Amino acid sequence: MNRVLVTGFGPYGKEKTNPTWEVAKLLDGKTIKDHKIRGVRFKVSAKEISRKLPKLIDSLQPKLVLSLGLAPGRTDITVERVAINVADFSIPDASGRKPVDAPIDPTGPAAYFATIPVKKVVRALLSEGIPASVSNTAGTYLCNFIMYTSLNHLAGNALNARAGFIHVPNLPGQAAEKYLANKTQSPSMSLETMLRGIEIAIKTSLP
């Protein structure tokens, strides 16, 4: 059976939970369009991603690699268009690393475009009543890092698979905690809506 790899992250910085792993965990073992999904959790660590993600792709041989990341300030599901070859971390990752203006791959290209149909995914989400938009920056932290790493590995090894990255907002509980802590209002989305949105994104991204 063909496979889909969905990756989520664990907690990082001041974020005690990360909805991306909750989504990936719920998707693990499901089947969409005759493709079985493998949901995997990564630490917010460049070292772990560099070491484990290429091996995971090689072993699973997925037709789609879809990575998920948390963007606390965003109001909707945002489908990333491009990953850039730079690691410039504002805070240390889970391994204690904080690179500044460092290339992810010194021999790699400056950037990759996502190979999933970005605008088609956004249209599909909107047509189902799920807020969504195209984003032209995945940042320079681990979200961009994992997106670039997956696209770079697929391209460098001529693997026949699509890859992309999607950001999701906070969960309602996270938004409530932030308001209680410092009276800061932040957008949120239910886990149910996120899960449905990522399922639609997978279905739309598969050939």
Protein backbone atom coordinates (compact mmCIF):
# COMPACT_ATOMS: atom_id res chain seq x y z
CA MET A 1 0.00 0.00 0.00
CA ASN A 2 1.14 3.54 -0.75
CA ARG A 3 1.99 5.73 2.22
CA VAL A 4 1.73 9.32 3.41
CA LEU A 5 4.10 10.71 6.03
CA VAL A 6 2.64 13.38 8.30
CA THR A 7 4.98 14.99 10.82
CA GLY A 8 4.11 17.03 13.90
CA PHE A 9 6.22 18.71 16.55
CA GLY A 10 6.37 18.43 20.31
CA PRO A 11 6.25 21.42 22.69
CA TYR A 12 8.81 24.22 22.31
CA GLY A 13 9.69 27.51 23.95
CA LYS A 14 6.76 28.67 26.08
CA GLU A 15 4.29 26.38 24.28
CA LYS A 16 3.37 23.54 26.65
CA THR A 17 1.44 21.65 24.00
CA ASN A 18 1.62 21.45 20.24
CA PRO A 19 -1.54 20.72 18.22
CA THR A 20 0.47 19.48 15.26
CA TRP A 21 1.39 16.28 17.06
CA GLU A 22 -2.21 15.84 18.19
CA VAL A 23 -3.29 16.00 14.55
CA ALA A 24 -0.52 13.67 13.32
CA LYS A 25 -1.28 11.21 16.11
CA LEU A 26 -4.98 11.10 15.20
CA LEU A 27 -4.13 10.58 11.53
CA ASP A 28 -1.64 7.76 12.19
CA GLY A 29 -3.00 4.51 10.76
CA LYS A 30 -5.83 6.11 8.78
CA THR A 31 -6.24 5.55 5.05
CA ILE A 32 -6.97 8.34 2.55
CA LYS A 33 -7.31 7.58 -1.18
CA ASP A 34 -5.72 4.14 -0.68
CA HIS A 35 -2.71 5.69 1.07
CA LYS A 36 -1.97 4.66 4.64
CA ILE A 37 -0.87 7.51 6.88
CA ARG A 38 2.09 7.37 9.21
CA GLY A 39 2.05 10.10 11.83
CA VAL A 40 5.41 10.91 13.41
CA ARG A 41 6.43 13.31 16.17
CA PHE A 42 9.70 15.24 16.00
CA LYS A 43 11.37 17.22 18.70
CA VAL A 44 11.80 20.88 17.79
CA SER A 45 15.40 20.01 17.02
CA ALA A 46 17.41 20.58 13.85
CA LYS A 47 19.74 17.74 14.83
CA GLU A 48 16.89 15.24 15.16
CA ILE A 49 15.27 16.32 11.90
CA SER A 50 18.56 16.10 9.98
CA ARG A 51 19.32 12.68 11.40
CA LYS A 52 15.90 11.02 11.32
CA LEU A 53 13.75 12.56 8.57
CA PRO A 54 15.78 11.43 5.50
CA LYS A 55 16.00 7.88 6.90
CA LEU A 56 12.27 7.85 7.59
CA ILE A 57 11.49 8.97 4.05
CA ASP A 58 13.82 6.32 2.61
CA SER A 59 12.26 3.55 4.69
CA LEU A 60 8.61 4.50 4.13
CA GLN A 61 8.93 5.64 0.50
CA PRO A 62 5.84 7.86 0.92
CA LYS A 63 4.01 9.45 -1.99
CA LEU A 64 3.41 12.56 0.12
CA VAL A 65 5.37 14.18 2.94
CA LEU A 66 3.27 16.74 4.79
CA SER A 67 4.81 18.48 7.79
CA LEU A 68 2.79 20.53 10.26
CA GLY A 69 3.86 23.41 12.47
CA LEU A 70 2.32 25.70 15.06
CA ALA A 71 2.10 29.43 14.29
CA PRO A 72 0.55 30.97 17.42
CA GLY A 73 -0.28 34.35 15.86
CA ARG A 74 -1.95 33.08 12.71
CA THR A 75 -5.71 33.05 12.36
CA ASP A 76 -6.18 30.22 9.89
CA ILE A 77 -4.60 27.15 8.32
CA THR A 78 -1.76 28.49 6.19
CA VAL A 79 -0.22 26.47 3.38
CA GLU A 80 3.42 27.37 2.84
CA ARG A 81 4.67 28.11 -0.65
CA VAL A 82 8.46 28.17 -0.16
CA ALA A 83 11.26 26.90 2.07
CA ILE A 84 14.57 28.77 2.19
CA ASN A 85 18.06 27.44 2.81
CA VAL A 86 18.73 29.26 6.07
CA ALA A 87 18.54 28.45 9.77
CA ASP A 88 18.30 31.64 11.83
CA PHE A 89 16.73 30.72 15.16
CA SER A 90 15.23 33.39 17.44
CA ILE A 91 15.31 30.94 20.36
CA PRO A 92 17.36 27.77 20.92
CA ASP A 93 15.84 24.53 19.66
CA ALA A 94 15.26 21.47 21.86
CA SER A 95 18.92 20.47 21.41
CA GLY A 96 20.11 23.87 22.63
CA ARG A 97 21.24 25.00 19.20
CA LYS A 98 20.69 28.57 18.00
CA PRO A 99 22.23 29.01 14.55
CA VAL A 100 22.43 32.48 13.03
CA ASP A 101 22.33 32.94 9.24
CA ALA A 102 23.46 29.33 8.76
CA PRO A 103 22.67 27.31 5.63
CA ILE A 104 20.57 24.21 6.19
CA ASP A 105 22.53 22.49 3.41
CA PRO A 106 25.71 24.31 2.29
CA THR A 107 25.51 22.57 -1.07
CA GLY A 108 21.75 22.93 -1.55
CA PRO A 109 19.80 25.48 -3.59
CA ALA A 110 18.68 28.79 -2.07
CA ALA A 111 15.05 27.68 -1.87
CA TYR A 112 12.45 25.11 -2.84
CA PHE A 113 8.84 25.61 -3.75
CA ALA A 114 6.38 23.19 -2.15
CA THR A 115 5.43 20.42 -4.55
CA ILE A 116 1.90 20.07 -3.21
CA PRO A 117 -0.73 22.15 -5.08
CA VAL A 118 -0.70 25.05 -2.60
CA LYS A 119 -3.56 27.14 -3.97
CA LYS A 120 -5.69 24.11 -4.78
CA VAL A 121 -5.37 22.99 -1.15
CA VAL A 122 -6.39 26.45 0.09
CA ARG A 123 -9.42 26.49 -2.23
CA ALA A 124 -10.46 23.04 -1.05
CA LEU A 125 -10.25 24.11 2.59
CA LEU A 126 -12.19 27.31 2.00
CA SER A 127 -14.89 25.46 0.06
CA GLU A 128 -15.42 23.27 3.14
CA GLY A 129 -15.78 26.30 5.39
CA ILE A 130 -12.30 26.09 6.91
CA PRO A 131 -10.33 29.37 7.12
CA ALA A 132 -7.16 29.03 5.03
CA SER A 133 -4.64 31.06 3.05
CA VAL A 134 -1.34 30.84 1.22
CA SER A 135 1.76 31.87 3.18
CA ASN A 136 4.96 32.96 1.50
CA THR A 137 7.20 32.52 4.53
CA ALA A 138 7.66 29.52 6.78
CA GLY A 139 10.04 31.59 8.91
CA THR A 140 13.63 30.60 9.65
CA TYR A 141 13.05 28.28 12.62
CA LEU A 142 12.25 24.56 12.66
CA CYS A 143 9.14 24.79 10.47
CA ASN A 144 11.18 26.09 7.56
CA PHE A 145 13.99 23.69 8.50
CA ILE A 146 11.84 20.55 8.22
CA MET A 147 10.15 21.76 5.03
CA TYR A 148 13.49 22.46 3.35
CA THR A 149 14.99 19.18 4.59
CA SER A 150 12.15 17.07 3.18
CA LEU A 151 12.11 18.84 -0.22
CA ASN A 152 15.90 18.77 -0.42
CA HIS A 153 16.07 15.05 0.30
CA LEU A 154 13.34 14.19 -2.20
CA ALA A 155 14.92 16.32 -4.93
CA GLY A 156 18.46 15.17 -4.23
CA ASN A 157 17.48 11.52 -4.46
CA ALA A 158 15.00 11.88 -7.33
CA LEU A 159 12.21 10.38 -5.21
CA ASN A 160 8.73 10.41 -6.70
CA ALA A 161 6.83 12.16 -3.91
CA ARG A 162 5.20 15.48 -3.19
CA ALA A 163 6.07 17.50 -0.10
CA GLY A 164 4.75 20.56 1.67
CA PHE A 165 4.23 22.30 4.98
CA ILE A 166 1.15 23.64 6.73
CA HIS A 167 0.92 25.95 9.73
CA VAL A 168 -1.98 25.81 12.19
CA PRO A 169 -3.06 28.26 14.93
CA ASN A 170 -3.24 27.66 18.68
CA LEU A 171 -5.85 25.38 20.15
CA PRO A 172 -8.60 27.18 22.13
CA GLY A 173 -7.10 25.93 25.39
CA GLN A 174 -3.75 27.46 24.52
CA ALA A 175 -5.38 30.79 23.70
CA ALA A 176 -7.24 30.73 27.01
CA GLU A 177 -4.03 29.99 28.94
CA LYS A 178 -2.28 32.93 27.31
CA TYR A 179 -5.10 35.27 28.20
CA LEU A 180 -5.08 34.08 31.80
CA ALA A 181 -1.30 34.49 31.97
CA ASN A 182 -0.88 37.93 30.45
CA LYS A 183 -4.23 39.15 29.08
CA THR A 184 -3.00 38.53 25.54
CA GLN A 185 -5.68 37.61 23.03
CA SER A 186 -4.61 35.08 20.39
CA PRO A 187 -6.49 33.35 17.57
CA SER A 188 -7.36 29.69 17.88
CA MET A 189 -8.92 26.76 16.05
CA SER A 190 -10.46 23.55 17.37
CA LEU A 191 -8.57 20.29 17.02
CA GLU A 192 -11.55 18.85 15.15
CA THR A 193 -11.35 21.59 12.52
CA MET A 194 -7.57 21.24 12.21
CA LEU A 195 -7.89 17.49 11.74
CA ARG A 196 -10.58 17.84 9.08
CA GLY A 197 -8.49 20.50 7.36
CA ILE A 198 -5.36 18.38 7.21
CA GLU A 199 -7.36 15.40 5.93
CA ILE A 200 -8.68 17.62 3.12
CA ALA A 201 -5.14 18.86 2.43
CA ILE A 202 -3.86 15.29 2.15
CA LYS A 203 -6.67 14.22 -0.15
CA THR A 204 -6.14 17.28 -2.35
CA SER A 205 -2.36 16.85 -2.46
CA LEU A 206 -2.36 13.22 -3.54
CA PRO A 207 -2.28 12.64 -7.31
